């Protein structure tokens, strides 16, 4: 498959061609109908780099690579239902759309798995352990994963909070942070100019940042000490969260294994307090 071919080539590519690869993996639906010149601008490379990247993958040029992307989309959206009788079409279309969502979800997981090294996860978790205070910065579509991560970090560390990147309150909190604290950016497109400004401000103040985002080329990634790349392709109006939740699951696994004593002690205290205040998990 084209995406797997791109991922297998990543370690051997120049930095410029890696930019093209990351752009296509992250934004392949957008790239379906863009000319090579526009893809080059989006990936911040020259048009000739885009053409050579396509040729490295075995295509005559970018239009042929683009045709391969269009074929992938047609396969996912159309499939065998075009040949079914009208009386059966509704049922089979429903079944096929179900399969299409599953296939795309699995591709998101594979892409995310291949994008991120275990060492990056470990660096991510090291920053969490060192932080005096943790602020998880997110907005709109990213708030769901942010609240999930926040709940589980507080079960162990009791020092995390979620801030909406569009809230004026965020500025009040961020200006009080120092190099002993940590900002976790969860930024899945569309990007917010205000959140980018906050990230740049934190960089100026030397406040450590780590990020879960969908590209190595945005400001969140460039401002961060560790970056985990998620894949959010979806057939609906919303971005998919499945791969982002996988990232969070592995972060929590590393926290559990890295700090077993601290984790067990915190969970025991949480259980005692839960019983005291009537939130016991045994009831």
C-alpha atoms as a PDB file:
ATOM      1  CA  UNK A   1       0.000   0.000   0.000  1.00  0.00           C
ATOM      2  CA  UNK A   2       1.180   3.541  -0.775  1.00  0.00           C
ATOM      3  CA  UNK A   3       1.145   4.750   2.834  1.00  0.00           C
ATOM      4  CA  UNK A   4       3.181   1.774   4.020  1.00  0.00           C
ATOM      5  CA  UNK A   5       5.654   2.348   1.171  1.00  0.00           C
ATOM      6  CA  UNK A   6       6.088   5.981   2.261  1.00  0.00           C
ATOM      7  CA  UNK A   7       6.573   4.973   5.901  1.00  0.00           C
ATOM      8  CA  UNK A   8       9.176   2.356   4.985  1.00  0.00           C
ATOM      9  CA  UNK A   9      11.146   4.979   3.048  1.00  0.00           C
ATOM     10  CA  UNK A  10      11.122   7.608   5.826  1.00  0.00           C
ATOM     11  CA  UNK A  11      14.433   6.640   7.500  1.00  0.00           C
ATOM     12  CA  UNK A  12      16.255   6.912   4.165  1.00  0.00           C
ATOM     13  CA  UNK A  13      14.896  10.269   3.000  1.00  0.00           C
ATOM     14  CA  UNK A  14      16.526  13.677   3.080  1.00  0.00           C
ATOM     15  CA  UNK A  15      14.994  16.256   5.419  1.00  0.00           C
ATOM     16  CA  UNK A  16      13.248  17.992   2.515  1.00  0.00           C
ATOM     17  CA  UNK A  17      11.713  14.748   1.255  1.00  0.00           C
ATOM     18  CA  UNK A  18      10.697  13.835   4.822  1.00  0.00           C
ATOM     19  CA  UNK A  19       8.708  17.067   4.878  1.00  0.00           C
ATOM     20  CA  UNK A  20       6.860  15.912   1.762  1.00  0.00           C
ATOM     21  CA  UNK A  21       6.302  12.444   3.240  1.00  0.00           C
ATOM     22  CA  UNK A  22       4.922  13.810   6.514  1.00  0.00           C
ATOM     23  CA  UNK A  23       2.672  16.224   4.665  1.00  0.00           C
ATOM     24  CA  UNK A  24       1.205  13.490   2.474  1.00  0.00           C
ATOM     25  CA  UNK A  25       0.727  11.076   5.378  1.00  0.00           C
ATOM     26  CA  UNK A  26      -0.948  13.766   7.479  1.00  0.00           C
ATOM     27  CA  UNK A  27      -2.958  15.505   4.765  1.00  0.00           C
ATOM     28  CA  UNK A  28      -3.453  13.008   1.949  1.00  0.00           C
ATOM     29  CA  UNK A  29      -7.125  13.901   1.470  1.00  0.00           C
ATOM     30  CA  UNK A  30      -6.176  17.551   1.039  1.00  0.00           C
ATOM     31  CA  UNK A  31      -3.362  16.649  -1.370  1.00  0.00           C
ATOM     32  CA  UNK A  32      -5.667  14.660  -3.656  1.00  0.00           C
ATOM     33  CA  UNK A  33      -6.412  17.561  -5.967  1.00  0.00           C
ATOM     34  CA  UNK A  34      -3.599  20.030  -5.264  1.00  0.00           C
ATOM     35  CA  UNK A  35      -0.933  20.750  -7.876  1.00  0.00           C
ATOM     36  CA  UNK A  36       2.656  19.840  -7.043  1.00  0.00           C
ATOM     37  CA  UNK A  37       3.485  23.530  -6.580  1.00  0.00           C
ATOM     38  CA  UNK A  38       0.847  23.904  -3.836  1.00  0.00           C
ATOM     39  CA  UNK A  39       1.963  20.677  -2.123  1.00  0.00           C
ATOM     40  CA  UNK A  40       5.515  22.057  -2.195  1.00  0.00           C
ATOM     41  CA  UNK A  41       4.388  25.281  -0.499  1.00  0.00           C
ATOM     42  CA  UNK A  42       2.475  23.351   2.158  1.00  0.00           C
ATOM     43  CA  UNK A  43       5.484  21.098   2.829  1.00  0.00           C
ATOM     44  CA  UNK A  44       7.858  24.084   2.696  1.00  0.00           C
ATOM     45  CA  UNK A  45      10.061  22.583  -0.011  1.00  0.00           C
ATOM     46  CA  UNK A  46      10.686  23.243  -3.697  1.00  0.00           C
ATOM     47  CA  UNK A  47       8.433  21.776  -6.378  1.00  0.00           C
ATOM     48  CA  UNK A  48      11.349  19.723  -7.707  1.00  0.00           C
ATOM     49  CA  UNK A  49      11.624  17.964  -4.318  1.00  0.00           C
ATOM     50  CA  UNK A  50       7.959  16.905  -4.570  1.00  0.00           C
ATOM     51  CA  UNK A  51       8.577  15.524  -8.065  1.00  0.00           C
ATOM     52  CA  UNK A  52      11.726  13.635  -7.018  1.00  0.00           C
ATOM     53  CA  UNK A  53       9.907  12.246  -3.977  1.00  0.00           C
ATOM     54  CA  UNK A  54       7.219  10.798  -6.259  1.00  0.00           C
ATOM     55  CA  UNK A  55       9.888   9.330  -8.542  1.00  0.00           C
ATOM     56  CA  UNK A  56      11.665   7.753  -5.561  1.00  0.00           C
ATOM     57  CA  UNK A  57       8.434   5.865  -4.860  1.00  0.00           C
ATOM     58  CA  UNK A  58       8.405   4.504  -8.411  1.00  0.00           C
ATOM     59  CA  UNK A  59       6.022   6.983 -10.068  1.00  0.00           C
ATOM     60  CA  UNK A  60       6.755   8.964 -13.224  1.00  0.00           C
ATOM     61  CA  UNK A  61       5.914  12.174 -11.383  1.00  0.00           C
ATOM     62  CA  UNK A  62       3.577  13.736  -8.860  1.00  0.00           C
ATOM     63  CA  UNK A  63       0.392  13.359 -10.994  1.00  0.00           C
ATOM     64  CA  UNK A  64       0.845   9.574 -11.007  1.00  0.00           C
ATOM     65  CA  UNK A  65       1.370   9.519  -7.226  1.00  0.00           C
ATOM     66  CA  UNK A  66      -1.717  11.701  -6.888  1.00  0.00           C
ATOM     67  CA  UNK A  67      -3.678   9.218  -8.992  1.00  0.00           C
ATOM     68  CA  UNK A  68      -2.641   6.483  -6.552  1.00  0.00           C
ATOM     69  CA  UNK A  69      -4.035   8.587  -3.701  1.00  0.00           C
ATOM     70  CA  UNK A  70      -7.283   9.085  -5.604  1.00  0.00           C
ATOM     71  CA  UNK A  71      -7.525   5.334  -6.205  1.00  0.00           C
ATOM     72  CA  UNK A  72      -7.208   4.738  -2.455  1.00  0.00           C
ATOM     73  CA  UNK A  73     -10.079   7.131  -1.796  1.00  0.00           C
ATOM     74  CA  UNK A  74     -12.253   5.508  -4.470  1.00  0.00           C
ATOM     75  CA  UNK A  75     -11.586   2.061  -3.028  1.00  0.00           C
ATOM     76  CA  UNK A  76     -12.600   3.173   0.442  1.00  0.00           C
ATOM     77  CA  UNK A  77     -15.714   5.060  -0.535  1.00  0.00           C
ATOM     78  CA  UNK A  78     -17.072   3.013  -3.417  1.00  0.00           C
ATOM     79  CA  UNK A  79     -16.064  -0.656  -3.214  1.00  0.00           C
ATOM     80  CA  UNK A  80     -18.135  -3.534  -4.447  1.00  0.00           C
ATOM     81  CA  UNK A  81     -21.539  -1.965  -3.683  1.00  0.00           C
ATOM     82  CA  UNK A  82     -21.584  -0.373  -7.173  1.00  0.00           C
ATOM     83  CA  UNK A  83     -22.325  -3.822  -8.607  1.00  0.00           C
ATOM     84  CA  UNK A  84     -25.137  -4.802  -6.202  1.00  0.00           C
ATOM     85  CA  UNK A  85     -28.827  -4.817  -7.141  1.00  0.00           C
ATOM     86  CA  UNK A  86     -30.803  -1.726  -5.970  1.00  0.00           C
ATOM     87  CA  UNK A  87     -32.858  -3.799  -3.531  1.00  0.00           C
ATOM     88  CA  UNK A  88     -29.699  -4.843  -1.699  1.00  0.00           C
ATOM     89  CA  UNK A  89     -27.783  -1.590  -2.013  1.00  0.00           C
ATOM     90  CA  UNK A  90     -28.828   0.019   1.252  1.00  0.00           C
ATOM     91  CA  UNK A  91     -27.811  -2.886   3.457  1.00  0.00           C
ATOM     92  CA  UNK A  92     -24.509  -3.462   1.680  1.00  0.00           C
ATOM     93  CA  UNK A  93     -23.661   0.242   1.690  1.00  0.00           C
ATOM     94  CA  UNK A  94     -24.184   0.279   5.437  1.00  0.00           C
ATOM     95  CA  UNK A  95     -21.973  -2.768   5.872  1.00  0.00           C
ATOM     96  CA  UNK A  96     -19.308  -1.319   3.611  1.00  0.00           C
ATOM     97  CA  UNK A  97     -19.247   2.068   5.331  1.00  0.00           C
ATOM     98  CA  UNK A  98     -18.789   0.254   8.625  1.00  0.00           C
ATOM     99  CA  UNK A  99     -15.807  -1.604   7.140  1.00  0.00           C
ATOM    100  CA  UNK A 100     -14.418   1.612   5.628  1.00  0.00           C
ATOM    101  CA  UNK A 101     -14.394   3.342   9.016  1.00  0.00           C
ATOM    102  CA  UNK A 102     -12.682   0.310  10.565  1.00  0.00           C
ATOM    103  CA  UNK A 103     -10.059   0.205   7.793  1.00  0.00           C
ATOM    104  CA  UNK A 104      -9.302   3.910   8.137  1.00  0.00           C
ATOM    105  CA  UNK A 105      -9.109   3.588  11.926  1.00  0.00           C
ATOM    106  CA  UNK A 106      -6.624   0.747  11.607  1.00  0.00           C
ATOM    107  CA  UNK A 107      -4.586   2.810   9.141  1.00  0.00           C
ATOM    108  CA  UNK A 108      -4.529   5.681  11.662  1.00  0.00           C
ATOM    109  CA  UNK A 109      -3.169   3.300  14.291  1.00  0.00           C
ATOM    110  CA  UNK A 110      -0.515   1.876  11.951  1.00  0.00           C
ATOM    111  CA  UNK A 111       0.566   5.335  10.835  1.00  0.00           C
ATOM    112  CA  UNK A 112       0.839   6.537  14.434  1.00  0.00           C
ATOM    113  CA  UNK A 113       2.729   3.411  15.476  1.00  0.00           C
ATOM    114  CA  UNK A 114       5.236   3.873  12.657  1.00  0.00           C
ATOM    115  CA  UNK A 115       5.678   7.619  13.195  1.00  0.00           C
ATOM    116  CA  UNK A 116       6.762   7.445  16.853  1.00  0.00           C
ATOM    117  CA  UNK A 117       9.800   5.877  18.469  1.00  0.00           C
ATOM    118  CA  UNK A 118       9.607   4.394  21.976  1.00  0.00           C
ATOM    119  CA  UNK A 119      12.455   6.737  22.962  1.00  0.00           C
ATOM    120  CA  UNK A 120      10.200   9.712  22.157  1.00  0.00           C
ATOM    121  CA  UNK A 121       7.472   8.333  24.413  1.00  0.00           C
ATOM    122  CA  UNK A 122      10.060   7.874  27.169  1.00  0.00           C
ATOM    123  CA  UNK A 123      11.264  11.460  26.767  1.00  0.00           C
ATOM    124  CA  UNK A 124       7.632  12.582  26.889  1.00  0.00           C
ATOM    125  CA  UNK A 125       7.052  10.717  30.152  1.00  0.00           C
ATOM    126  CA  UNK A 126      10.351  11.929  31.669  1.00  0.00           C
ATOM    127  CA  UNK A 127       9.109  15.489  31.248  1.00  0.00           C
ATOM    128  CA  UNK A 128       5.857  14.585  33.004  1.00  0.00           C
ATOM    129  CA  UNK A 129       7.710  13.089  35.980  1.00  0.00           C
ATOM    130  CA  UNK A 130       9.944  16.162  36.324  1.00  0.00           C
ATOM    131  CA  UNK A 131       7.162  18.745  36.184  1.00  0.00           C
ATOM    132  CA  UNK A 132       6.037  20.603  39.280  1.00  0.00           C
ATOM    133  CA  UNK A 133       2.810  21.581  37.550  1.00  0.00           C
ATOM    134  CA  UNK A 134       1.281  20.373  34.272  1.00  0.00           C
ATOM    135  CA  UNK A 135      -0.992  22.385  31.994  1.00  0.00           C
ATOM    136  CA  UNK A 136      -2.676  20.534  29.124  1.00  0.00           C
ATOM    137  CA  UNK A 137      -3.500  23.058  26.423  1.00  0.00           C
ATOM    138  CA  UNK A 138      -6.195  22.128  23.892  1.00  0.00           C
ATOM    139  CA  UNK A 139      -9.234  23.460  22.103  1.00  0.00           C
ATOM    140  CA  UNK A 140     -12.384  22.208  20.378  1.00  0.00           C
ATOM    141  CA  UNK A 141     -11.682  18.806  18.808  1.00  0.00           C
ATOM    142  CA  UNK A 142      -8.613  18.228  21.002  1.00  0.00           C
ATOM    143  CA  UNK A 143     -10.382  18.742  24.329  1.00  0.00           C
ATOM    144  CA  UNK A 144     -11.697  15.152  24.521  1.00  0.00           C
ATOM    145  CA  UNK A 145      -8.235  13.511  24.572  1.00  0.00           C
ATOM    146  CA  UNK A 146      -6.966  16.351  26.794  1.00  0.00           C
ATOM    147  CA  UNK A 147      -9.548  15.664  29.511  1.00  0.00           C
ATOM    148  CA  UNK A 148      -8.858  11.923  29.329  1.00  0.00           C
ATOM    149  CA  UNK A 149      -5.115  12.457  29.815  1.00  0.00           C
ATOM    150  CA  UNK A 150      -5.796  14.965  32.602  1.00  0.00           C
ATOM    151  CA  UNK A 151      -7.959  12.541  34.589  1.00  0.00           C
ATOM    152  CA  UNK A 152      -5.336   9.802  34.558  1.00  0.00           C
ATOM    153  CA  UNK A 153      -2.363  12.091  35.254  1.00  0.00           C
ATOM    154  CA  UNK A 154      -4.116  13.436  38.332  1.00  0.00           C
ATOM    155  CA  UNK A 155      -4.704   9.895  39.607  1.00  0.00           C
ATOM    156  CA  UNK A 156      -0.920   9.692  40.054  1.00  0.00           C
ATOM    157  CA  UNK A 157       0.537  13.211  40.144  1.00  0.00           C
ATOM    158  CA  UNK A 158      -2.367  15.461  41.261  1.00  0.00           C
ATOM    159  CA  UNK A 159      -0.780  18.415  39.473  1.00  0.00           C
ATOM    160  CA  UNK A 160      -2.474  18.616  36.057  1.00  0.00           C
ATOM    161  CA  UNK A 161      -5.191  20.817  34.622  1.00  0.00           C
ATOM    162  CA  UNK A 162      -6.766  21.342  31.208  1.00  0.00           C
ATOM    163  CA  UNK A 163      -6.889  24.829  29.738  1.00  0.00           C
ATOM    164  CA  UNK A 164      -8.968  25.799  26.737  1.00  0.00           C
ATOM    165  CA  UNK A 165      -6.648  27.518  24.285  1.00  0.00           C
ATOM    166  CA  UNK A 166      -9.401  29.975  23.375  1.00  0.00           C
ATOM    167  CA  UNK A 167     -10.044  31.118  26.960  1.00  0.00           C
ATOM    168  CA  UNK A 168      -8.722  34.405  28.358  1.00  0.00           C
ATOM    169  CA  UNK A 169      -8.096  32.559  31.644  1.00  0.00           C
ATOM    170  CA  UNK A 170      -5.347  30.617  29.897  1.00  0.00           C
ATOM    171  CA  UNK A 171      -3.120  33.702  29.749  1.00  0.00           C
ATOM    172  CA  UNK A 172      -3.506  34.225  33.513  1.00  0.00           C
ATOM    173  CA  UNK A 173      -2.302  30.676  34.176  1.00  0.00           C
ATOM    174  CA  UNK A 174       0.484  30.522  31.581  1.00  0.00           C
ATOM    175  CA  UNK A 175       2.161  33.732  32.754  1.00  0.00           C
ATOM    176  CA  UNK A 176       2.557  32.141  36.199  1.00  0.00           C
ATOM    177  CA  UNK A 177       4.426  29.080  34.916  1.00  0.00           C
ATOM    178  CA  UNK A 178       8.198  28.628  35.058  1.00  0.00           C
ATOM    179  CA  UNK A 179      10.888  26.269  33.737  1.00  0.00           C
ATOM    180  CA  UNK A 180       9.921  23.834  36.529  1.00  0.00           C
ATOM    181  CA  UNK A 181       6.455  23.384  34.998  1.00  0.00           C
ATOM    182  CA  UNK A 182       5.244  21.748  31.799  1.00  0.00           C
ATOM    183  CA  UNK A 183       2.806  22.506  29.004  1.00  0.00           C
ATOM    184  CA  UNK A 184       1.361  19.580  27.058  1.00  0.00           C
ATOM    185  CA  UNK A 185      -0.038  20.823  23.760  1.00  0.00           C
ATOM    186  CA  UNK A 186      -2.694  18.605  22.222  1.00  0.00           C
ATOM    187  CA  UNK A 187      -3.265  20.213  18.868  1.00  0.00           C
ATOM    188  CA  UNK A 188      -5.137  18.422  16.117  1.00  0.00           C
ATOM    189  CA  UNK A 189      -6.177  20.578  13.159  1.00  0.00           C
ATOM    190  CA  UNK A 190      -7.556  22.944  12.612  1.00  0.00           C
ATOM    191  CA  UNK A 191      -4.874  24.948  14.372  1.00  0.00           C
ATOM    192  CA  UNK A 192      -5.710  27.965  16.492  1.00  0.00           C
ATOM    193  CA  UNK A 193      -3.669  31.145  16.008  1.00  0.00           C
ATOM    194  CA  UNK A 194      -4.221  31.944  19.671  1.00  0.00           C
ATOM    195  CA  UNK A 195      -2.816  28.598  20.805  1.00  0.00           C
ATOM    196  CA  UNK A 196       0.184  29.081  18.532  1.00  0.00           C
ATOM    197  CA  UNK A 197       0.763  32.496  20.110  1.00  0.00           C
ATOM    198  CA  UNK A 198       0.560  30.945  23.586  1.00  0.00           C
ATOM    199  CA  UNK A 199       3.055  28.239  22.599  1.00  0.00           C
ATOM    200  CA  UNK A 200       5.456  30.855  21.212  1.00  0.00           C
ATOM    201  CA  UNK A 201       5.063  32.927  24.385  1.00  0.00           C
ATOM    202  CA  UNK A 202       5.861  29.866  26.524  1.00  0.00           C
ATOM    203  CA  UNK A 203       8.939  29.234  24.391  1.00  0.00           C
ATOM    204  CA  UNK A 204      10.120  32.805  25.047  1.00  0.00           C
ATOM    205  CA  UNK A 205       9.656  32.205  28.791  1.00  0.00           C
ATOM    206  CA  UNK A 206      11.604  28.901  28.639  1.00  0.00           C
ATOM    207  CA  UNK A 207       8.582  26.954  29.880  1.00  0.00           C
ATOM    208  CA  UNK A 208       9.071  23.298  28.812  1.00  0.00           C
ATOM    209  CA  UNK A 209       6.593  22.005  26.242  1.00  0.00           C
ATOM    210  CA  UNK A 210       5.752  18.596  24.833  1.00  0.00           C
ATOM    211  CA  UNK A 211       3.128  17.999  22.172  1.00  0.00           C
ATOM    212  CA  UNK A 212       0.708  15.526  20.676  1.00  0.00           C
ATOM    213  CA  UNK A 213      -0.033  16.811  17.191  1.00  0.00           C
ATOM    214  CA  UNK A 214      -0.354  15.630  13.604  1.00  0.00           C
ATOM    215  CA  UNK A 215       2.749  17.133  12.011  1.00  0.00           C
ATOM    216  CA  UNK A 216       6.396  17.776  12.770  1.00  0.00           C
ATOM    217  CA  UNK A 217       6.231  20.997  10.794  1.00  0.00           C
ATOM    218  CA  UNK A 218       3.952  23.151  12.967  1.00  0.00           C
ATOM    219  CA  UNK A 219       5.022  25.556  15.715  1.00  0.00           C
ATOM    220  CA  UNK A 220       3.872  23.239  18.510  1.00  0.00           C
ATOM    221  CA  UNK A 221       6.330  20.586  17.341  1.00  0.00           C
ATOM    222  CA  UNK A 222       9.141  23.091  16.864  1.00  0.00           C
ATOM    223  CA  UNK A 223       8.604  24.553  20.351  1.00  0.00           C
ATOM    224  CA  UNK A 224       8.536  21.152  22.081  1.00  0.00           C
ATOM    225  CA  UNK A 225      11.174  18.966  23.695  1.00  0.00           C
ATOM    226  CA  UNK A 226       9.280  15.822  22.643  1.00  0.00           C
ATOM    227  CA  UNK A 227       6.645  15.405  19.935  1.00  0.00           C
ATOM    228  CA  UNK A 228       4.289  12.477  19.403  1.00  0.00           C
ATOM    229  CA  UNK A 229       2.609  12.390  16.005  1.00  0.00           C
ATOM    230  CA  UNK A 230      -0.980  11.207  15.716  1.00  0.00           C
ATOM    231  CA  UNK A 231      -3.028  10.363  12.624  1.00  0.00           C
ATOM    232  CA  UNK A 232      -6.584  11.715  12.579  1.00  0.00           C
ATOM    233  CA  UNK A 233      -7.996  10.847   9.135  1.00  0.00           C
ATOM    234  CA  UNK A 234     -11.749  10.349   9.209  1.00  0.00           C
ATOM    235  CA  UNK A 235     -14.692   9.802   6.877  1.00  0.00           C
ATOM    236  CA  UNK A 236     -16.898  12.007   9.061  1.00  0.00           C
ATOM    237  CA  UNK A 237     -17.012  15.745   9.789  1.00  0.00           C
ATOM    238  CA  UNK A 238     -14.832  15.184  12.880  1.00  0.00           C
ATOM    239  CA  UNK A 239     -11.230  14.074  13.223  1.00  0.00           C
ATOM    240  CA  UNK A 240     -10.684  10.548  14.529  1.00  0.00           C
ATOM    241  CA  UNK A 241      -9.444  10.234  18.137  1.00  0.00           C
ATOM    242  CA  UNK A 242      -8.539   6.536  18.077  1.00  0.00           C
ATOM    243  CA  UNK A 243      -4.805   6.926  17.380  1.00  0.00           C
ATOM    244  CA  UNK A 244      -4.526   9.805  19.851  1.00  0.00           C
ATOM    245  CA  UNK A 245      -6.076   7.618  22.552  1.00  0.00           C
ATOM    246  CA  UNK A 246      -3.549   4.904  21.667  1.00  0.00           C
ATOM    247  CA  UNK A 247      -0.751   7.426  22.307  1.00  0.00           C
ATOM    248  CA  UNK A 248      -2.272   8.314  25.678  1.00  0.00           C
ATOM    249  CA  UNK A 249      -2.645   4.621  26.557  1.00  0.00           C
ATOM    250  CA  UNK A 250       1.054   4.016  25.935  1.00  0.00           C
ATOM    251  CA  UNK A 251       2.015   7.113  27.921  1.00  0.00           C
ATOM    252  CA  UNK A 252       0.014   5.758  30.865  1.00  0.00           C
ATOM    253  CA  UNK A 253       1.662   2.349  30.443  1.00  0.00           C
ATOM    254  CA  UNK A 254       5.116   3.941  30.681  1.00  0.00           C
ATOM    255  CA  UNK A 255       4.078   5.989  33.704  1.00  0.00           C
ATOM    256  CA  UNK A 256       2.911   2.775  35.366  1.00  0.00           C
ATOM    257  CA  UNK A 257       6.138   0.883  34.648  1.00  0.00           C
ATOM    258  CA  UNK A 258       8.525   3.794  35.269  1.00  0.00           C
ATOM    259  CA  UNK A 259       7.085   4.842  38.609  1.00  0.00           C
ATOM    260  CA  UNK A 260       5.506   1.698  40.008  1.00  0.00           C
ATOM    261  CA  UNK A 261       5.946   2.717  43.645  1.00  0.00           C
ATOM    262  CA  UNK A 262       4.551   6.212  43.170  1.00  0.00           C
ATOM    263  CA  UNK A 263       1.707   4.933  41.015  1.00  0.00           C
ATOM    264  CA  UNK A 264       0.633   2.229  43.464  1.00  0.00           C
ATOM    265  CA  UNK A 265       0.848   4.599  46.429  1.00  0.00           C
ATOM    266  CA  UNK A 266      -1.259   7.228  44.648  1.00  0.00           C
ATOM    267  CA  UNK A 267      -3.897   4.695  43.613  1.00  0.00           C
ATOM    268  CA  UNK A 268      -4.088   3.280  47.142  1.00  0.00           C
ATOM    269  CA  UNK A 269      -4.571   6.794  48.546  1.00  0.00           C
ATOM    270  CA  UNK A 270      -7.211   7.462  45.890  1.00  0.00           C
ATOM    271  CA  UNK A 271      -9.065   4.285  46.881  1.00  0.00           C
ATOM    272  CA  UNK A 272      -8.983   5.244  50.579  1.00  0.00           C
ATOM    273  CA  UNK A 273     -10.286   8.730  49.829  1.00  0.00           C
ATOM    274  CA  UNK A 274     -12.911   7.303  47.482  1.00  0.00           C
ATOM    275  CA  UNK A 275     -14.265   5.121  50.286  1.00  0.00           C
ATOM    276  CA  UNK A 276     -14.179   8.018  52.743  1.00  0.00           C
ATOM    277  CA  UNK A 277     -16.128  10.344  50.474  1.00  0.00           C
ATOM    278  CA  UNK A 278     -18.506   7.740  49.114  1.00  0.00           C
ATOM    279  CA  UNK A 279     -16.892   7.183  45.711  1.00  0.00           C
ATOM    280  CA  UNK A 280     -15.602   3.692  46.406  1.00  0.00           C
ATOM    281  CA  UNK A 281     -15.052   1.596  43.294  1.00  0.00           C
ATOM    282  CA  UNK A 282     -16.115  -1.475  45.300  1.00  0.00           C
ATOM    283  CA  UNK A 283     -19.733  -0.353  45.481  1.00  0.00           C
END
